[in-house]
C-alpha atoms as a PDB file:
ATOM      1  CA  UNK A   1     -39.658-145.135 202.873  1.00  0.00           C
ATOM      2  CA  UNK A   2     -40.127-142.637 204.666  1.00  0.00           C
ATOM      3  CA  UNK A   3     -43.309-143.896 206.225  1.00  0.00           C
ATOM      4  CA  UNK A   4     -42.262-146.158 208.325  1.00  0.00           C
ATOM      5  CA  UNK A   5     -39.916-143.627 210.534  1.00  0.00           C
ATOM      6  CA  UNK A   6     -41.498-142.592 213.710  1.00  0.00           C
ATOM      7  CA  UNK A   7     -43.655-139.660 213.817  1.00  0.00           C
ATOM      8  CA  UNK A   8     -47.296-138.264 213.698  1.00  0.00           C
ATOM      9  CA  UNK A   9     -46.801-135.733 211.186  1.00  0.00           C
ATOM     10  CA  UNK A  10     -47.045-137.085 207.599  1.00  0.00           C
ATOM     11  CA  UNK A  11     -44.238-136.047 205.139  1.00  0.00           C
ATOM     12  CA  UNK A  12     -45.358-135.341 202.019  1.00  0.00           C
ATOM     13  CA  UNK A  13     -44.866-138.624 199.501  1.00  0.00           C
ATOM     14  CA  UNK A  14     -42.890-136.770 196.986  1.00  0.00           C
ATOM     15  CA  UNK A  15     -42.080-133.162 195.847  1.00  0.00           C
ATOM     16  CA  UNK A  16     -43.757-134.307 192.851  1.00  0.00           C
ATOM     17  CA  UNK A  17     -47.705-134.912 191.865  1.00  0.00           C
ATOM     18  CA  UNK A  18     -48.095-138.592 192.523  1.00  0.00           C
ATOM     19  CA  UNK A  19     -51.468-138.221 190.817  1.00  0.00           C
ATOM     20  CA  UNK A  20     -49.955-137.867 187.416  1.00  0.00           C
ATOM     21  CA  UNK A  21     -47.672-140.320 185.525  1.00  0.00           C
ATOM     22  CA  UNK A  22     -44.963-137.611 184.959  1.00  0.00           C
ATOM     23  CA  UNK A  23     -45.168-136.875 188.572  1.00  0.00           C
ATOM     24  CA  UNK A  24     -44.477-140.605 189.285  1.00  0.00           C
ATOM     25  CA  UNK A  25     -41.689-140.921 186.722  1.00  0.00           C
ATOM     26  CA  UNK A  26     -39.682-138.235 188.625  1.00  0.00           C
ATOM     27  CA  UNK A  27     -40.270-140.261 191.910  1.00  0.00           C
ATOM     28  CA  UNK A  28     -39.584-143.451 190.245  1.00  0.00           C
ATOM     29  CA  UNK A  29     -36.624-142.207 188.821  1.00  0.00           C
ATOM     30  CA  UNK A  30     -35.021-140.581 192.546  1.00  0.00           C
ATOM     31  CA  UNK A  31     -35.928-144.148 194.607  1.00  0.00           C
ATOM     32  CA  UNK A  32     -34.009-145.547 191.501  1.00  0.00           C
ATOM     33  CA  UNK A  33     -31.034-143.203 191.178  1.00  0.00           C
ATOM     34  CA  UNK A  34     -27.719-145.519 191.589  1.00  0.00           C
ATOM     35  CA  UNK A  35     -26.038-142.732 193.493  1.00  0.00           C
ATOM     36  CA  UNK A  36     -27.910-143.620 196.968  1.00  0.00           C
ATOM     37  CA  UNK A  37     -25.946-146.940 196.610  1.00  0.00           C
ATOM     38  CA  UNK A  38     -22.980-144.924 198.044  1.00  0.00           C
ATOM     39  CA  UNK A  39     -24.606-143.258 200.812  1.00  0.00           C
ATOM     40  CA  UNK A  40     -22.726-144.696 203.939  1.00  0.00           C
ATOM     41  CA  UNK A  41     -24.305-146.263 207.214  1.00  0.00           C
ATOM     42  CA  UNK A  42     -23.970-142.889 208.984  1.00  0.00           C
ATOM     43  CA  UNK A  43     -25.334-140.883 205.998  1.00  0.00           C
ATOM     44  CA  UNK A  44     -28.425-143.168 205.970  1.00  0.00           C
ATOM     45  CA  UNK A  45     -28.705-142.598 209.901  1.00  0.00           C
ATOM     46  CA  UNK A  46     -28.177-138.662 209.371  1.00  0.00           C
ATOM     47  CA  UNK A  47     -31.127-138.950 206.652  1.00  0.00           C
ATOM     48  CA  UNK A  48     -33.568-141.016 208.975  1.00  0.00           C
ATOM     49  CA  UNK A  49     -32.632-138.452 211.788  1.00  0.00           C
ATOM     50  CA  UNK A  50     -33.836-135.557 209.439  1.00  0.00           C
ATOM     51  CA  UNK A  51     -36.952-137.124 208.404  1.00  0.00           C
ATOM     52  CA  UNK A  52     -37.883-138.027 211.715  1.00  0.00           C
ATOM     53  CA  UNK A  53     -37.295-134.638 213.254  1.00  0.00           C
ATOM     54  CA  UNK A  54     -39.689-133.339 210.754  1.00  0.00           C
ATOM     55  CA  UNK A  55     -42.083-136.131 211.425  1.00  0.00           C
ATOM     56  CA  UNK A  56     -41.595-135.482 215.000  1.00  0.00           C
ATOM     57  CA  UNK A  57     -42.411-131.715 215.018  1.00  0.00           C
ATOM     58  CA  UNK A  58     -39.116-130.380 215.680  1.00  0.00           C
ATOM     59  CA  UNK A  59     -38.172-129.210 212.512  1.00  0.00           C
ATOM     60  CA  UNK A  60     -41.360-127.213 210.408  1.00  0.00           C
ATOM     61  CA  UNK A  61     -39.454-126.092 207.052  1.00  0.00           C
ATOM     62  CA  UNK A  62     -39.396-128.868 204.005  1.00  0.00           C
ATOM     63  CA  UNK A  63     -35.791-127.751 202.745  1.00  0.00           C
ATOM     64  CA  UNK A  64     -33.647-129.102 200.058  1.00  0.00           C
ATOM     65  CA  UNK A  65     -31.885-131.185 202.717  1.00  0.00           C
ATOM     66  CA  UNK A  66     -34.996-132.836 203.671  1.00  0.00           C
ATOM     67  CA  UNK A  67     -35.725-133.609 200.294  1.00  0.00           C
ATOM     68  CA  UNK A  68     -32.422-135.404 199.719  1.00  0.00           C
ATOM     69  CA  UNK A  69     -32.630-137.257 203.035  1.00  0.00           C
ATOM     70  CA  UNK A  70     -36.255-138.157 202.092  1.00  0.00           C
ATOM     71  CA  UNK A  71     -34.549-139.410 198.662  1.00  0.00           C
ATOM     72  CA  UNK A  72     -31.972-142.005 200.624  1.00  0.00           C
ATOM     73  CA  UNK A  73     -34.417-143.399 203.307  1.00  0.00           C
ATOM     74  CA  UNK A  74     -37.199-144.148 200.238  1.00  0.00           C
ATOM     75  CA  UNK A  75     -34.293-145.373 198.008  1.00  0.00           C
ATOM     76  CA  UNK A  76     -33.253-147.831 201.024  1.00  0.00           C
ATOM     77  CA  UNK A  77     -35.863-148.541 203.644  1.00  0.00           C
ATOM     78  CA  UNK A  78     -38.588-151.066 203.015  1.00  0.00           C
ATOM     79  CA  UNK A  79     -41.999-149.503 203.578  1.00  0.00           C
ATOM     80  CA  UNK A  80     -43.484-151.957 205.562  1.00  0.00           C
ATOM     81  CA  UNK A  81     -40.467-152.945 208.060  1.00  0.00           C
ATOM     82  CA  UNK A  82     -38.329-149.687 207.983  1.00  0.00           C
ATOM     83  CA  UNK A  83     -35.188-152.079 207.463  1.00  0.00           C
ATOM     84  CA  UNK A  84     -32.516-151.225 204.960  1.00  0.00           C
ATOM     85  CA  UNK A  85     -33.298-153.539 201.527  1.00  0.00           C
ATOM     86  CA  UNK A  86     -30.690-156.066 200.911  1.00  0.00           C
ATOM     87  CA  UNK A  87     -28.209-153.434 198.507  1.00  0.00           C
ATOM     88  CA  UNK A  88     -27.888-155.950 195.136  1.00  0.00           C
ATOM     89  CA  UNK A  89     -32.189-156.065 195.163  1.00  0.00           C
ATOM     90  CA  UNK A  90     -33.061-152.494 195.932  1.00  0.00           C
ATOM     91  CA  UNK A  91     -34.442-150.351 192.595  1.00  0.00           C
ATOM     92  CA  UNK A  92     -31.640-148.211 192.999  1.00  0.00           C
ATOM     93  CA  UNK A  93     -29.334-151.248 192.099  1.00  0.00           C
ATOM     94  CA  UNK A  94     -31.713-152.211 189.872  1.00  0.00           C
ATOM     95  CA  UNK A  95     -30.350-151.261 186.685  1.00  0.00           C
ATOM     96  CA  UNK A  96     -26.349-152.264 187.741  1.00  0.00           C
ATOM     97  CA  UNK A  97     -27.652-155.920 189.053  1.00  0.00           C
ATOM     98  CA  UNK A  98     -29.342-156.608 186.086  1.00  0.00           C
ATOM     99  CA  UNK A  99     -26.869-155.120 183.545  1.00  0.00           C
ATOM    100  CA  UNK A 100     -24.919-158.550 183.261  1.00  0.00           C
ATOM    101  CA  UNK A 101     -27.583-160.814 183.427  1.00  0.00           C
ATOM    102  CA  UNK A 102     -29.517-159.212 180.643  1.00  0.00           C
ATOM    103  CA  UNK A 103     -26.466-158.981 178.402  1.00  0.00           C
ATOM    104  CA  UNK A 104     -25.740-162.480 179.352  1.00  0.00           C
ATOM    105  CA  UNK A 105     -29.033-163.459 178.068  1.00  0.00           C
ATOM    106  CA  UNK A 106     -28.755-161.126 174.840  1.00  0.00           C
ATOM    107  CA  UNK A 107     -25.439-162.709 174.134  1.00  0.00           C
ATOM    108  CA  UNK A 108     -25.777-163.745 170.129  1.00  0.00           C
ATOM    109  CA  UNK A 109     -25.310-167.238 169.542  1.00  0.00           C
ATOM    110  CA  UNK A 110     -25.880-168.747 172.944  1.00  0.00           C
ATOM    111  CA  UNK A 111     -25.776-172.537 173.064  1.00  0.00           C
ATOM    112  CA  UNK A 112     -28.440-174.886 175.141  1.00  0.00           C
ATOM    113  CA  UNK A 113     -26.019-174.339 178.371  1.00  0.00           C
ATOM    114  CA  UNK A 114     -25.574-170.811 178.131  1.00  0.00           C
ATOM    115  CA  UNK A 115     -29.355-170.194 177.712  1.00  0.00           C
ATOM    116  CA  UNK A 116     -30.049-172.489 180.746  1.00  0.00           C
ATOM    117  CA  UNK A 117     -27.400-170.781 183.099  1.00  0.00           C
ATOM    118  CA  UNK A 118     -28.053-167.353 182.320  1.00  0.00           C
ATOM    119  CA  UNK A 119     -32.251-167.983 182.763  1.00  0.00           C
ATOM    120  CA  UNK A 120     -31.810-169.546 185.956  1.00  0.00           C
ATOM    121  CA  UNK A 121     -29.128-166.461 187.347  1.00  0.00           C
ATOM    122  CA  UNK A 122     -31.836-164.230 185.808  1.00  0.00           C
ATOM    123  CA  UNK A 123     -34.924-165.626 187.519  1.00  0.00           C
ATOM    124  CA  UNK A 124     -32.733-166.065 191.254  1.00  0.00           C
ATOM    125  CA  UNK A 125     -32.311-162.212 190.659  1.00  0.00           C
ATOM    126  CA  UNK A 126     -36.111-161.902 190.284  1.00  0.00           C
ATOM    127  CA  UNK A 127     -36.839-164.143 193.324  1.00  0.00           C
ATOM    128  CA  UNK A 128     -34.408-161.697 195.427  1.00  0.00           C
ATOM    129  CA  UNK A 129     -35.648-158.612 194.150  1.00  0.00           C
ATOM    130  CA  UNK A 130     -39.449-159.600 194.358  1.00  0.00           C
ATOM    131  CA  UNK A 131     -39.100-161.208 197.647  1.00  0.00           C
ATOM    132  CA  UNK A 132     -37.155-158.247 199.429  1.00  0.00           C
ATOM    133  CA  UNK A 133     -39.463-155.514 197.884  1.00  0.00           C
ATOM    134  CA  UNK A 134     -42.796-157.274 198.338  1.00  0.00           C
ATOM    135  CA  UNK A 135     -45.479-156.124 200.987  1.00  0.00           C
ATOM    136  CA  UNK A 136     -44.344-157.677 204.104  1.00  0.00           C
ATOM    137  CA  UNK A 137     -47.606-157.417 206.076  1.00  0.00           C
ATOM    138  CA  UNK A 138     -48.130-161.039 204.737  1.00  0.00           C
ATOM    139  CA  UNK A 139     -44.732-163.098 205.445  1.00  0.00           C
ATOM    140  CA  UNK A 140     -43.244-165.604 202.493  1.00  0.00           C
ATOM    141  CA  UNK A 141     -42.145-169.141 204.118  1.00  0.00           C
ATOM    142  CA  UNK A 142     -39.027-170.475 202.951  1.00  0.00           C
ATOM    143  CA  UNK A 143     -40.978-173.207 201.331  1.00  0.00           C
ATOM    144  CA  UNK A 144     -42.991-170.899 199.385  1.00  0.00           C
ATOM    145  CA  UNK A 145     -39.692-168.840 198.083  1.00  0.00           C
ATOM    146  CA  UNK A 146     -38.284-172.218 196.921  1.00  0.00           C
ATOM    147  CA  UNK A 147     -41.274-173.556 195.223  1.00  0.00           C
ATOM    148  CA  UNK A 148     -41.706-170.244 193.617  1.00  0.00           C
ATOM    149  CA  UNK A 149     -38.458-170.117 192.375  1.00  0.00           C
ATOM    150  CA  UNK A 150     -38.340-173.637 191.173  1.00  0.00           C
ATOM    151  CA  UNK A 151     -41.486-173.096 189.093  1.00  0.00           C
ATOM    152  CA  UNK A 152     -39.917-169.729 188.014  1.00  0.00           C
ATOM    153  CA  UNK A 153     -36.996-171.402 186.827  1.00  0.00           C
ATOM    154  CA  UNK A 154     -38.619-174.074 185.180  1.00  0.00           C
ATOM    155  CA  UNK A 155     -41.151-171.613 183.117  1.00  0.00           C
ATOM    156  CA  UNK A 156     -38.466-169.562 181.862  1.00  0.00           C
ATOM    157  CA  UNK A 157     -36.218-172.071 180.886  1.00  0.00           C
ATOM    158  CA  UNK A 158     -38.598-174.264 178.878  1.00  0.00           C
ATOM    159  CA  UNK A 159     -40.089-170.926 176.887  1.00  0.00           C
ATOM    160  CA  UNK A 160     -36.311-170.372 175.964  1.00  0.00           C
ATOM    161  CA  UNK A 161     -35.456-173.673 175.045  1.00  0.00           C
ATOM    162  CA  UNK A 162     -38.873-174.228 173.126  1.00  0.00           C
ATOM    163  CA  UNK A 163     -38.225-171.103 171.210  1.00  0.00           C
ATOM    164  CA  UNK A 164     -35.077-171.871 170.310  1.00  0.00           C
ATOM    165  CA  UNK A 165     -35.752-174.812 168.747  1.00  0.00           C
ATOM    166  CA  UNK A 166     -39.123-173.715 166.999  1.00  0.00           C
ATOM    167  CA  UNK A 167     -37.305-170.878 165.507  1.00  0.00           C
ATOM    168  CA  UNK A 168     -34.814-172.512 163.166  1.00  0.00           C
ATOM    169  CA  UNK A 169     -37.459-174.350 161.702  1.00  0.00           C
ATOM    170  CA  UNK A 170     -39.251-171.839 160.134  1.00  0.00           C
ATOM    171  CA  UNK A 171     -37.763-171.970 156.770  1.00  0.00           C
ATOM    172  CA  UNK A 172     -40.573-169.800 155.257  1.00  0.00           C
ATOM    173  CA  UNK A 173     -38.571-166.532 157.084  1.00  0.00           C
ATOM    174  CA  UNK A 174     -35.618-165.054 155.758  1.00  0.00           C
ATOM    175  CA  UNK A 175     -32.407-165.659 157.522  1.00  0.00           C
ATOM    176  CA  UNK A 176     -32.731-162.368 158.673  1.00  0.00           C
ATOM    177  CA  UNK A 177     -36.337-162.382 160.061  1.00  0.00           C
ATOM    178  CA  UNK A 178     -34.965-165.578 162.090  1.00  0.00           C
ATOM    179  CA  UNK A 179     -31.823-164.230 163.599  1.00  0.00           C
ATOM    180  CA  UNK A 180     -34.166-161.330 164.700  1.00  0.00           C
ATOM    181  CA  UNK A 181     -36.521-163.821 166.223  1.00  0.00           C
ATOM    182  CA  UNK A 182     -34.197-165.519 167.712  1.00  0.00           C
ATOM    183  CA  UNK A 183     -32.716-162.442 169.252  1.00  0.00           C
ATOM    184  CA  UNK A 184     -36.230-161.670 170.968  1.00  0.00           C
ATOM    185  CA  UNK A 185     -36.039-165.376 172.608  1.00  0.00           C
ATOM    186  CA  UNK A 186     -34.836-164.190 175.622  1.00  0.00           C
ATOM    187  CA  UNK A 187     -37.663-161.221 175.639  1.00  0.00           C
ATOM    188  CA  UNK A 188     -40.426-164.127 175.829  1.00  0.00           C
ATOM    189  CA  UNK A 189     -38.481-166.063 178.143  1.00  0.00           C
ATOM    190  CA  UNK A 190     -38.316-163.083 180.813  1.00  0.00           C
ATOM    191  CA  UNK A 191     -41.475-161.126 180.106  1.00  0.00           C
ATOM    192  CA  UNK A 192     -43.207-164.582 180.645  1.00  0.00           C
ATOM    193  CA  UNK A 193     -41.152-165.814 183.470  1.00  0.00           C
ATOM    194  CA  UNK A 194     -41.142-162.233 185.120  1.00  0.00           C
ATOM    195  CA  UNK A 195     -44.794-161.938 185.588  1.00  0.00           C
ATOM    196  CA  UNK A 196     -45.171-165.548 186.711  1.00  0.00           C
ATOM    197  CA  UNK A 197     -42.225-164.965 189.551  1.00  0.00           C
ATOM    198  CA  UNK A 198     -44.056-162.154 190.729  1.00  0.00           C
ATOM    199  CA  UNK A 199     -47.181-164.014 191.027  1.00  0.00           C
ATOM    200  CA  UNK A 200     -45.602-167.197 192.762  1.00  0.00           C
ATOM    201  CA  UNK A 201     -43.382-165.181 194.618  1.00  0.00           C
ATOM    202  CA  UNK A 202     -46.169-163.199 195.969  1.00  0.00           C
ATOM    203  CA  UNK A 203     -49.163-165.797 195.978  1.00  0.00           C
ATOM    204  CA  UNK A 204     -49.252-165.256 199.963  1.00  0.00           C
ATOM    205  CA  UNK A 205     -50.426-162.619 199.411  1.00  0.00           C
ATOM    206  CA  UNK A 206     -53.360-162.932 197.422  1.00  0.00           C
ATOM    207  CA  UNK A 207     -54.006-165.965 199.366  1.00  0.00           C
ATOM    208  CA  UNK A 208     -54.422-164.367 203.051  1.00  0.00           C
ATOM    209  CA  UNK A 209     -54.637-160.649 201.859  1.00  0.00           C
ATOM    210  CA  UNK A 210     -52.446-157.448 202.493  1.00  0.00           C
ATOM    211  CA  UNK A 211     -53.309-154.843 205.138  1.00  0.00           C
ATOM    212  CA  UNK A 212     -55.521-152.104 203.917  1.00  0.00           C
ATOM    213  CA  UNK A 213     -55.843-148.375 205.742  1.00  0.00           C
ATOM    214  CA  UNK A 214     -58.379-145.627 205.338  1.00  0.00           C
ATOM    215  CA  UNK A 215     -57.448-142.619 203.596  1.00  0.00           C
ATOM    216  CA  UNK A 216     -57.185-139.830 205.552  1.00  0.00           C
ATOM    217  CA  UNK A 217     -58.608-136.285 204.776  1.00  0.00           C
ATOM    218  CA  UNK A 218     -56.471-133.423 205.881  1.00  0.00           C
ATOM    219  CA  UNK A 219     -58.617-132.619 209.126  1.00  0.00           C
ATOM    220  CA  UNK A 220     -57.753-136.374 209.982  1.00  0.00           C
ATOM    221  CA  UNK A 221     -53.657-135.927 209.347  1.00  0.00           C
ATOM    222  CA  UNK A 222     -53.742-132.899 211.281  1.00  0.00           C
ATOM    223  CA  UNK A 223     -55.885-134.444 214.511  1.00  0.00           C
ATOM    224  CA  UNK A 224     -53.266-137.960 213.666  1.00  0.00           C
ATOM    225  CA  UNK A 225     -50.443-135.548 214.133  1.00  0.00           C
ATOM    226  CA  UNK A 226     -51.816-133.533 217.528  1.00  0.00           C
ATOM    227  CA  UNK A 227     -52.919-136.804 219.662  1.00  0.00           C
ATOM    228  CA  UNK A 228     -50.286-138.878 217.932  1.00  0.00           C
ATOM    229  CA  UNK A 229     -52.233-141.614 217.070  1.00  0.00           C
ATOM    230  CA  UNK A 230     -51.511-144.502 214.335  1.00  0.00           C
ATOM    231  CA  UNK A 231     -53.644-145.441 211.711  1.00  0.00           C
ATOM    232  CA  UNK A 232     -54.943-149.117 212.367  1.00  0.00           C
ATOM    233  CA  UNK A 233     -55.280-151.599 209.649  1.00  0.00           C
ATOM    234  CA  UNK A 234     -58.510-152.540 209.102  1.00  0.00           C
ATOM    235  CA  UNK A 235     -57.776-155.981 208.467  1.00  0.00           C
ATOM    236  CA  UNK A 236     -56.346-157.689 205.183  1.00  0.00           C
ATOM    237  CA  UNK A 237     -58.022-158.002 201.927  1.00  0.00           C
ATOM    238  CA  UNK A 238     -57.522-160.308 199.129  1.00  0.00           C
ATOM    239  CA  UNK A 239     -58.611-158.306 195.969  1.00  0.00           C
ATOM    240  CA  UNK A 240     -56.221-155.726 197.078  1.00  0.00           C
ATOM    241  CA  UNK A 241     -53.410-158.003 197.201  1.00  0.00           C
ATOM    242  CA  UNK A 242     -54.473-159.442 194.057  1.00  0.00           C
ATOM    243  CA  UNK A 243     -54.747-155.904 192.270  1.00  0.00           C
ATOM    244  CA  UNK A 244     -51.095-154.875 194.276  1.00  0.00           C
ATOM    245  CA  UNK A 245     -49.744-158.529 192.551  1.00  0.00           C
ATOM    246  CA  UNK A 246     -51.028-157.482 189.484  1.00  0.00           C
ATOM    247  CA  UNK A 247     -50.074-154.188 188.772  1.00  0.00           C
ATOM    248  CA  UNK A 248     -46.235-155.380 189.961  1.00  0.00           C
ATOM    249  CA  UNK A 249     -46.081-158.239 187.628  1.00  0.00           C
ATOM    250  CA  UNK A 250     -47.170-156.227 184.531  1.00  0.00           C
ATOM    251  CA  UNK A 251     -44.806-153.223 185.527  1.00  0.00           C
ATOM    252  CA  UNK A 252     -42.162-156.265 185.452  1.00  0.00           C
ATOM    253  CA  UNK A 253     -43.051-156.989 181.717  1.00  0.00           C
ATOM    254  CA  UNK A 254     -43.212-153.374 181.016  1.00  0.00           C
ATOM    255  CA  UNK A 255     -39.645-153.012 182.079  1.00  0.00           C
ATOM    256  CA  UNK A 256     -38.239-155.946 180.656  1.00  0.00           C
ATOM    257  CA  UNK A 257     -39.755-154.937 177.210  1.00  0.00           C
ATOM    258  CA  UNK A 258     -37.684-152.220 175.955  1.00  0.00           C
ATOM    259  CA  UNK A 259     -34.731-153.574 177.505  1.00  0.00           C
ATOM    260  CA  UNK A 260     -34.859-157.252 176.250  1.00  0.00           C
ATOM    261  CA  UNK A 261     -36.236-155.838 172.644  1.00  0.00           C
ATOM    262  CA  UNK A 262     -34.355-152.568 171.745  1.00  0.00           C
ATOM    263  CA  UNK A 263     -30.787-153.446 172.204  1.00  0.00           C
ATOM    264  CA  UNK A 264     -31.106-156.644 170.394  1.00  0.00           C
ATOM    265  CA  UNK A 265     -32.549-155.035 167.361  1.00  0.00           C
ATOM    266  CA  UNK A 266     -30.488-152.212 167.385  1.00  0.00           C
ATOM    267  CA  UNK A 267     -27.497-154.645 167.611  1.00  0.00           C
ATOM    268  CA  UNK A 268     -28.815-156.802 164.666  1.00  0.00           C
ATOM    269  CA  UNK A 269     -28.643-153.836 162.300  1.00  0.00           C
ATOM    270  CA  UNK A 270     -25.151-152.557 163.879  1.00  0.00           C
ATOM    271  CA  UNK A 271     -23.638-155.923 163.304  1.00  0.00           C
ATOM    272  CA  UNK A 272     -24.594-155.875 159.428  1.00  0.00           C
ATOM    273  CA  UNK A 273     -22.809-152.567 159.226  1.00  0.00           C
ATOM    274  CA  UNK A 274     -19.009-151.942 157.835  1.00  0.00           C
ATOM    275  CA  UNK A 275     -18.123-150.209 160.834  1.00  0.00           C
ATOM    276  CA  UNK A 276     -19.072-153.252 163.445  1.00  0.00           C
ATOM    277  CA  UNK A 277     -17.718-156.018 160.599  1.00  0.00           C
ATOM    278  CA  UNK A 278     -14.722-154.186 161.231  1.00  0.00           C
ATOM    279  CA  UNK A 279     -14.249-153.647 164.916  1.00  0.00           C
ATOM    280  CA  UNK A 280     -16.000-157.370 166.082  1.00  0.00           C
ATOM    281  CA  UNK A 281     -14.271-156.981 169.443  1.00  0.00           C
ATOM    282  CA  UNK A 282     -16.396-153.899 170.597  1.00  0.00           C
ATOM    283  CA  UNK A 283     -19.309-155.823 169.621  1.00  0.00           C
ATOM    284  CA  UNK A 284     -20.039-157.027 173.899  1.00  0.00           C
ATOM    285  CA  UNK A 285     -19.376-152.960 174.959  1.00  0.00           C
ATOM    286  CA  UNK A 286     -21.591-151.887 172.104  1.00  0.00           C
ATOM    287  CA  UNK A 287     -24.374-154.471 173.253  1.00  0.00           C
ATOM    288  CA  UNK A 288     -23.583-153.439 177.224  1.00  0.00           C
ATOM    289  CA  UNK A 289     -23.859-149.407 176.221  1.00  0.00           C
ATOM    290  CA  UNK A 290     -27.314-150.239 174.581  1.00  0.00           C
ATOM    291  CA  UNK A 291     -28.851-152.258 177.549  1.00  0.00           C
ATOM    292  CA  UNK A 292     -27.792-149.886 179.880  1.00  0.00           C
ATOM    293  CA  UNK A 293     -28.912-146.957 178.429  1.00  0.00           C
ATOM    294  CA  UNK A 294     -32.072-148.605 177.830  1.00  0.00           C
ATOM    295  CA  UNK A 295     -32.548-149.581 181.253  1.00  0.00           C
ATOM    296  CA  UNK A 296     -31.884-146.008 182.731  1.00  0.00           C
ATOM    297  CA  UNK A 297     -34.765-144.746 180.881  1.00  0.00           C
ATOM    298  CA  UNK A 298     -37.135-147.534 181.249  1.00  0.00           C
ATOM    299  CA  UNK A 299     -36.910-148.275 184.751  1.00  0.00           C
ATOM    300  CA  UNK A 300     -38.775-144.875 186.193  1.00  0.00           C
ATOM    301  CA  UNK A 301     -41.446-145.554 183.075  1.00  0.00           C
ATOM    302  CA  UNK A 302     -42.043-149.064 184.278  1.00  0.00           C
ATOM    303  CA  UNK A 303     -42.308-147.931 188.123  1.00  0.00           C
ATOM    304  CA  UNK A 304     -44.668-145.289 187.444  1.00  0.00           C
ATOM    305  CA  UNK A 305     -47.250-146.655 185.612  1.00  0.00           C
ATOM    306  CA  UNK A 306     -48.901-147.365 189.214  1.00  0.00           C
ATOM    307  CA  UNK A 307     -48.715-145.818 192.397  1.00  0.00           C
ATOM    308  CA  UNK A 308     -46.582-147.507 194.748  1.00  0.00           C
ATOM    309  CA  UNK A 309     -49.251-146.270 197.692  1.00  0.00           C
ATOM    310  CA  UNK A 310     -52.724-147.474 196.006  1.00  0.00           C
ATOM    311  CA  UNK A 311     -55.842-145.736 196.950  1.00  0.00           C
ATOM    312  CA  UNK A 312     -59.167-147.734 195.836  1.00  0.00           C
ATOM    313  CA  UNK A 313     -62.717-147.260 196.565  1.00  0.00           C
ATOM    314  CA  UNK A 314     -63.824-149.531 199.750  1.00  0.00           C
ATOM    315  CA  UNK A 315     -66.407-150.791 197.771  1.00  0.00           C
ATOM    316  CA  UNK A 316     -63.969-152.868 195.141  1.00  0.00           C
ATOM    317  CA  UNK A 317     -62.875-154.534 198.137  1.00  0.00           C
ATOM    318  CA  UNK A 318     -64.644-157.313 199.934  1.00  0.00           C
ATOM    319  CA  UNK A 319     -67.658-156.492 201.408  1.00  0.00           C
ATOM    320  CA  UNK A 320     -66.002-155.921 205.170  1.00  0.00           C
ATOM    321  CA  UNK A 321     -64.708-152.819 203.919  1.00  0.00           C
ATOM    322  CA  UNK A 322     -67.545-151.044 202.131  1.00  0.00           C
ATOM    323  CA  UNK A 323     -68.326-149.056 205.080  1.00  0.00           C
ATOM    324  CA  UNK A 324     -65.081-148.465 206.435  1.00  0.00           C
ATOM    325  CA  UNK A 325     -63.628-146.009 203.632  1.00  0.00           C
ATOM    326  CA  UNK A 326     -61.940-142.905 204.862  1.00  0.00           C
ATOM    327  CA  UNK A 327     -62.136-139.848 202.640  1.00  0.00           C
ATOM    328  CA  UNK A 328     -64.137-139.935 199.494  1.00  0.00           C
ATOM    329  CA  UNK A 329     -64.933-143.819 201.092  1.00  0.00           C
ATOM    330  CA  UNK A 330     -61.359-144.745 199.595  1.00  0.00           C
ATOM    331  CA  UNK A 331     -58.834-147.233 201.253  1.00  0.00           C
ATOM    332  CA  UNK A 332     -55.291-147.618 200.272  1.00  0.00           C
ATOM    333  CA  UNK A 333     -52.573-149.879 200.399  1.00  0.00           C
ATOM    334  CA  UNK A 334     -48.748-150.557 199.578  1.00  0.00           C
ATOM    335  CA  UNK A 335     -48.523-152.358 196.344  1.00  0.00           C
ATOM    336  CA  UNK A 336     -44.681-153.136 196.639  1.00  0.00           C
ATOM    337  CA  UNK A 337     -42.839-152.584 193.651  1.00  0.00           C
END
């Protein structure tokens, strides 16, 4: 994120209004734009220099080139560390990384071994994404990551295998209804284990708290730019961490819902048509196309559900922060994505 680069002058968080849902959707679409994955190391360095030049007062006008540079920086660098997020775990790679895994989980007629392998693969990817994009003010230990991974894998496999065993026994349902429910089993496993994965992977944040900062007024921002001061953390808040992790877990469920529900339901209907019955070999490409199309639209809508830089009333946190709020008595923190 551009906030991690040196400089006292704040670059606007976005060219869109992040106080509105659709403004955040547009911003999320930029952060998750797969085209930024093709930016070279030199391109990233040039983008960082352009953003830093503005933040250090060497450039005074926000140009289209500056917005493009900010887009590259925001989609590549972690807001807390300023280091590039490992490419497969960036939000800009989310659709691509999840495409094959999701297609595997949604493959019709998966047996037990296939179900287990794809659930394990999915949770492995989730662990990487959650760890790489978490709030870094509270580091995760290797032991915590390993325990979280094992719990999440156990949960997803248990749900998937349990429901796969239960659905065929529902004799009162029609064959079509049982087929539909079977196709939705991966969604139940992914949604439940995905939310659990976030809480497990970022549980240390809830136990120790995350850094919160006072919300600055325009006058305070101008003074900060003038004297070169940095905004200091007010301390670590467990309540802020609980809110951040909870919202992130919910956004994961919101993202997986359309991706894991719409393609299998549409595919069930298409498989009943003469067109697909005569062309069984294109079932997989059709499935991939449905998942890809849904993912492209679903990800920005889910990421935009909550602001990444969250501002809340200081009085909604621990008592130690009540009299430390900034503008309008608010404090802010990085929610993570």
